[in-house]
Amino acid sequence: MSEASDHGRIPEQIDGVPVTSGTVQGALADDGSGLKLTAPLARRLERPHAGADGRP
């Protein structure tokens, strides 16, 4: 594709981050293992949590 045809084109973005093949591949490779289920998030998701304080 020539530069002229790309001139003025706004790149696709998600949350302000340009979507490229690299960002898509990175997102697909992330298995979420680094995420932590905190008590507030557990309450919000209505999921049991070892540290939950009993609030609904």
PDB file of N, CA and C in Angstrom:
ATOM      1  N   MET A   1       0.855  -1.174   0.000  1.00  0.00           N
ATOM      2  CA  MET A   1       0.000   0.000   0.000  1.00  0.00           C
ATOM      3  C   MET A   1       0.899   1.234   0.000  1.00  0.00           C
ATOM      4  N   SER A   2       0.579   2.201  -0.790  1.00  0.00           N
ATOM      5  CA  SER A   2       1.419   3.392  -0.869  1.00  0.00           C
ATOM      6  C   SER A   2       1.118   4.353   0.267  1.00  0.00           C
ATOM      7  N   GLU A   3       2.088   5.230   0.549  1.00  0.00           N
ATOM      8  CA  GLU A   3       1.892   6.244   1.583  1.00  0.00           C
ATOM      9  C   GLU A   3       0.726   7.153   1.251  1.00  0.00           C
ATOM     10  N   ALA A   4       0.548   7.447  -0.013  1.00  0.00           N
ATOM     11  CA  ALA A   4      -0.515   8.360  -0.431  1.00  0.00           C
ATOM     12  C   ALA A   4      -1.885   7.809  -0.062  1.00  0.00           C
ATOM     13  N   SER A   5      -2.082   6.505  -0.198  1.00  0.00           N
ATOM     14  CA  SER A   5      -3.395   5.940   0.111  1.00  0.00           C
ATOM     15  C   SER A   5      -3.641   5.872   1.616  1.00  0.00           C
ATOM     16  N   ASP A   6      -2.591   5.905   2.422  1.00  0.00           N
ATOM     17  CA  ASP A   6      -2.721   5.871   3.883  1.00  0.00           C
ATOM     18  C   ASP A   6      -2.852   7.270   4.483  1.00  0.00           C
ATOM     19  N   HIS A   7      -2.565   8.300   3.679  1.00  0.00           N
ATOM     20  CA  HIS A   7      -2.563   9.678   4.181  1.00  0.00           C
ATOM     21  C   HIS A   7      -3.936  10.052   4.746  1.00  0.00           C
ATOM     22  N   GLY A   8      -3.940  10.532   5.995  1.00  0.00           N
ATOM     23  CA  GLY A   8      -5.181  10.967   6.612  1.00  0.00           C
ATOM     24  C   GLY A   8      -5.999   9.852   7.224  1.00  0.00           C
ATOM     25  N   ARG A   9      -5.543   8.636   7.101  1.00  0.00           N
ATOM     26  CA  ARG A   9      -6.285   7.503   7.660  1.00  0.00           C
ATOM     27  C   ARG A   9      -6.051   7.434   9.162  1.00  0.00           C
ATOM     28  N   ILE A  10      -7.119   7.290   9.928  1.00  0.00           N
ATOM     29  CA  ILE A  10      -7.011   7.154  11.380  1.00  0.00           C
ATOM     30  C   ILE A  10      -6.882   5.670  11.693  1.00  0.00           C
ATOM     31  N   PRO A  11      -5.798   5.270  12.378  1.00  0.00           N
ATOM     32  CA  PRO A  11      -5.633   3.837  12.681  1.00  0.00           C
ATOM     33  C   PRO A  11      -6.691   3.356  13.667  1.00  0.00           C
ATOM     34  N   GLU A  12      -7.061   2.106  13.541  1.00  0.00           N
ATOM     35  CA  GLU A  12      -7.992   1.502  14.491  1.00  0.00           C
ATOM     36  C   GLU A  12      -7.336   1.488  15.861  1.00  0.00           C
ATOM     37  N   GLN A  13      -8.101   1.832  16.898  1.00  0.00           N
ATOM     38  CA  GLN A  13      -7.555   1.858  18.250  1.00  0.00           C
ATOM     39  C   GLN A  13      -8.545   1.248  19.230  1.00  0.00           C
ATOM     40  N   ILE A  14      -8.006   0.670  20.287  1.00  0.00           N
ATOM     41  CA  ILE A  14      -8.792   0.185  21.420  1.00  0.00           C
ATOM     42  C   ILE A  14      -8.166   0.796  22.653  1.00  0.00           C
ATOM     43  N   ASP A  15      -8.940   1.548  23.412  1.00  0.00           N
ATOM     44  CA  ASP A  15      -8.445   2.254  24.601  1.00  0.00           C
ATOM     45  C   ASP A  15      -7.215   3.097  24.281  1.00  0.00           C
ATOM     46  N   GLY A  16      -7.208   3.724  23.108  1.00  0.00           N
ATOM     47  CA  GLY A  16      -6.111   4.607  22.733  1.00  0.00           C
ATOM     48  C   GLY A  16      -4.864   3.906  22.225  1.00  0.00           C
ATOM     49  N   VAL A  17      -4.897   2.577  22.148  1.00  0.00           N
ATOM     50  CA  VAL A  17      -3.731   1.814  21.685  1.00  0.00           C
ATOM     51  C   VAL A  17      -3.989   1.369  20.247  1.00  0.00           C
ATOM     52  N   PRO A  18      -3.080   1.703  19.322  1.00  0.00           N
ATOM     53  CA  PRO A  18      -3.270   1.258  17.941  1.00  0.00           C
ATOM     54  C   PRO A  18      -3.319  -0.269  17.852  1.00  0.00           C
ATOM     55  N   VAL A  19      -4.250  -0.767  17.070  1.00  0.00           N
ATOM     56  CA  VAL A  19      -4.387  -2.207  16.888  1.00  0.00           C
ATOM     57  C   VAL A  19      -3.517  -2.617  15.705  1.00  0.00           C
ATOM     58  N   THR A  20      -2.498  -3.392  15.990  1.00  0.00           N
ATOM     59  CA  THR A  20      -1.600  -3.917  14.963  1.00  0.00           C
ATOM     60  C   THR A  20      -1.579  -5.429  15.092  1.00  0.00           C
ATOM     61  N   SER A  21      -0.974  -6.100  14.139  1.00  0.00           N
ATOM     62  CA  SER A  21      -0.889  -7.556  14.241  1.00  0.00           C
ATOM     63  C   SER A  21      -0.123  -7.956  15.501  1.00  0.00           C
ATOM     64  N   GLY A  22       0.874  -7.145  15.901  1.00  0.00           N
ATOM     65  CA  GLY A  22       1.649  -7.448  17.112  1.00  0.00           C
ATOM     66  C   GLY A  22       0.817  -7.342  18.374  1.00  0.00           C
ATOM     67  N   THR A  23      -0.041  -6.308  18.462  1.00  0.00           N
ATOM     68  CA  THR A  23      -0.866  -6.168  19.669  1.00  0.00           C
ATOM     69  C   THR A  23      -1.915  -7.266  19.729  1.00  0.00           C
ATOM     70  N   VAL A  24      -2.447  -7.654  18.579  1.00  0.00           N
ATOM     71  CA  VAL A  24      -3.440  -8.734  18.557  1.00  0.00           C
ATOM     72  C   VAL A  24      -2.785 -10.050  18.958  1.00  0.00           C
ATOM     73  N   GLN A  25      -1.605 -10.337  18.415  1.00  0.00           N
ATOM     74  CA  GLN A  25      -0.899 -11.574  18.767  1.00  0.00           C
ATOM     75  C   GLN A  25      -0.552 -11.595  20.250  1.00  0.00           C
ATOM     76  N   GLY A  26      -0.130 -10.454  20.787  1.00  0.00           N
ATOM     77  CA  GLY A  26       0.189 -10.377  22.212  1.00  0.00           C
ATOM     78  C   GLY A  26      -1.027 -10.632  23.076  1.00  0.00           C
ATOM     79  N   ALA A  27      -2.159 -10.066  22.686  1.00  0.00           N
ATOM     80  CA  ALA A  27      -3.391 -10.267  23.455  1.00  0.00           C
ATOM     81  C   ALA A  27      -3.836 -11.724  23.407  1.00  0.00           C
ATOM     82  N   LEU A  28      -3.713 -12.345  22.260  1.00  0.00           N
ATOM     83  CA  LEU A  28      -4.114 -13.743  22.138  1.00  0.00           C
ATOM     84  C   LEU A  28      -3.180 -14.665  22.916  1.00  0.00           C
ATOM     85  N   ALA A  29      -1.912 -14.281  23.055  1.00  0.00           N
ATOM     86  CA  ALA A  29      -0.941 -15.109  23.765  1.00  0.00           C
ATOM     87  C   ALA A  29      -1.068 -14.975  25.281  1.00  0.00           C
ATOM     88  N   ASP A  30      -1.709 -13.903  25.763  1.00  0.00           N
ATOM     89  CA  ASP A  30      -1.833 -13.663  27.205  1.00  0.00           C
ATOM     90  C   ASP A  30      -2.915 -14.571  27.777  1.00  0.00           C
ATOM     91  N   ASP A  31      -2.523 -15.481  28.665  1.00  0.00           N
ATOM     92  CA  ASP A  31      -3.494 -16.413  29.241  1.00  0.00           C
ATOM     93  C   ASP A  31      -4.136 -15.886  30.522  1.00  0.00           C
ATOM     94  N   GLY A  32      -3.765 -14.691  30.952  1.00  0.00           N
ATOM     95  CA  GLY A  32      -4.367 -14.103  32.143  1.00  0.00           C
ATOM     96  C   GLY A  32      -3.824 -14.648  33.449  1.00  0.00           C
ATOM     97  N   SER A  33      -2.770 -15.442  33.394  1.00  0.00           N
ATOM     98  CA  SER A  33      -2.251 -16.067  34.613  1.00  0.00           C
ATOM     99  C   SER A  33      -1.708 -15.051  35.612  1.00  0.00           C
ATOM    100  N   GLY A  34      -1.390 -13.847  35.156  1.00  0.00           N
ATOM    101  CA  GLY A  34      -0.870 -12.828  36.062  1.00  0.00           C
ATOM    102  C   GLY A  34      -1.952 -12.050  36.789  1.00  0.00           C
ATOM    103  N   LEU A  35      -3.209 -12.302  36.470  1.00  0.00           N
ATOM    104  CA  LEU A  35      -4.303 -11.569  37.104  1.00  0.00           C
ATOM    105  C   LEU A  35      -4.577 -12.108  38.500  1.00  0.00           C
ATOM    106  N   LYS A  36      -4.960 -11.224  39.398  1.00  0.00           N
ATOM    107  CA  LYS A  36      -5.280 -11.614  40.773  1.00  0.00           C
ATOM    108  C   LYS A  36      -6.752 -11.317  41.040  1.00  0.00           C
ATOM    109  N   LEU A  37      -7.457 -12.264  41.644  1.00  0.00           N
ATOM    110  CA  LEU A  37      -8.852 -12.055  42.021  1.00  0.00           C
ATOM    111  C   LEU A  37      -8.865 -11.453  43.416  1.00  0.00           C
ATOM    112  N   THR A  38      -9.114 -10.161  43.488  1.00  0.00           N
ATOM    113  CA  THR A  38      -9.153  -9.469  44.772  1.00  0.00           C
ATOM    114  C   THR A  38     -10.550  -9.585  45.365  1.00  0.00           C
ATOM    115  N   ALA A  39     -10.670  -9.332  46.660  1.00  0.00           N
ATOM    116  CA  ALA A  39     -11.975  -9.407  47.319  1.00  0.00           C
ATOM    117  C   ALA A  39     -12.990  -8.465  46.669  1.00  0.00           C
ATOM    118  N   PRO A  40     -12.650  -7.186  46.383  1.00  0.00           N
ATOM    119  CA  PRO A  40     -13.639  -6.319  45.728  1.00  0.00           C
ATOM    120  C   PRO A  40     -14.055  -6.833  44.347  1.00  0.00           C
ATOM    121  N   LEU A  41     -13.091  -7.361  43.584  1.00  0.00           N
ATOM    122  CA  LEU A  41     -13.429  -7.900  42.273  1.00  0.00           C
ATOM    123  C   LEU A  41     -14.287  -9.150  42.423  1.00  0.00           C
ATOM    124  N   ALA A  42     -13.968  -9.999  43.396  1.00  0.00           N
ATOM    125  CA  ALA A  42     -14.762 -11.203  43.640  1.00  0.00           C
ATOM    126  C   ALA A  42     -16.206 -10.833  43.971  1.00  0.00           C
ATOM    127  N   ARG A  43     -16.386  -9.806  44.811  1.00  0.00           N
ATOM    128  CA  ARG A  43     -17.749  -9.353  45.126  1.00  0.00           C
ATOM    129  C   ARG A  43     -18.456  -8.859  43.870  1.00  0.00           C
ATOM    130  N   ARG A  44     -17.740  -8.077  43.067  1.00  0.00           N
ATOM    131  CA  ARG A  44     -18.330  -7.509  41.845  1.00  0.00           C
ATOM    132  C   ARG A  44     -18.749  -8.610  40.873  1.00  0.00           C
ATOM    133  N   LEU A  45     -17.931  -9.653  40.781  1.00  0.00           N
ATOM    134  CA  LEU A  45     -18.213 -10.769  39.882  1.00  0.00           C
ATOM    135  C   LEU A  45     -19.107 -11.825  40.521  1.00  0.00           C
ATOM    136  N   GLU A  46     -19.440 -11.626  41.805  1.00  0.00           N
ATOM    137  CA  GLU A  46     -20.234 -12.593  42.575  1.00  0.00           C
ATOM    138  C   GLU A  46     -19.596 -13.979  42.539  1.00  0.00           C
ATOM    139  N   ARG A  47     -18.263 -13.992  42.766  1.00  0.00           N
ATOM    140  CA  ARG A  47     -17.492 -15.232  42.795  1.00  0.00           C
ATOM    141  C   ARG A  47     -16.900 -15.424  44.181  1.00  0.00           C
ATOM    142  N   PRO A  48     -16.812 -16.668  44.663  1.00  0.00           N
ATOM    143  CA  PRO A  48     -16.192 -16.909  45.966  1.00  0.00           C
ATOM    144  C   PRO A  48     -14.715 -16.508  45.957  1.00  0.00           C
ATOM    145  N   HIS A  49     -14.237 -16.064  47.108  1.00  0.00           N
ATOM    146  CA  HIS A  49     -12.843 -15.638  47.237  1.00  0.00           C
ATOM    147  C   HIS A  49     -12.383 -15.956  48.651  1.00  0.00           C
ATOM    148  N   ALA A  50     -11.191 -16.512  48.780  1.00  0.00           N
ATOM    149  CA  ALA A  50     -10.679 -16.916  50.092  1.00  0.00           C
ATOM    150  C   ALA A  50     -10.611 -15.750  51.064  1.00  0.00           C
ATOM    151  N   GLY A  51     -10.372 -14.542  50.577  1.00  0.00           N
ATOM    152  CA  GLY A  51     -10.260 -13.380  51.452  1.00  0.00           C
ATOM    153  C   GLY A  51     -11.522 -12.542  51.507  1.00  0.00           C
ATOM    154  N   ALA A  52     -12.621 -13.049  50.961  1.00  0.00           N
ATOM    155  CA  ALA A  52     -13.868 -12.275  50.931  1.00  0.00           C
ATOM    156  C   ALA A  52     -14.338 -12.002  52.350  1.00  0.00           C
ATOM    157  N   ASP A  53     -14.892 -10.825  52.551  1.00  0.00           N
ATOM    158  CA  ASP A  53     -15.280 -10.409  53.897  1.00  0.00           C
ATOM    159  C   ASP A  53     -16.751 -10.675  54.205  1.00  0.00           C
ATOM    160  N   GLY A  54     -17.440 -11.419  53.371  1.00  0.00           N
ATOM    161  CA  GLY A  54     -18.815 -11.800  53.647  1.00  0.00           C
ATOM    162  C   GLY A  54     -19.864 -10.823  53.148  1.00  0.00           C
ATOM    163  N   ARG A  55     -19.424  -9.653  52.654  1.00  0.00           N
ATOM    164  CA  ARG A  55     -20.416  -8.707  52.135  1.00  0.00           C
ATOM    165  C   ARG A  55     -20.960  -9.212  50.805  1.00  0.00           C
ATOM    166  N   PRO A  56     -22.246  -8.938  50.547  1.00  0.00           N
ATOM    167  CA  PRO A  56     -22.822  -9.381  49.262  1.00  0.00           C
ATOM    168  C   PRO A  56     -22.253  -8.621  48.083  1.00  0.00           C
TER     169      PRO A  56
END
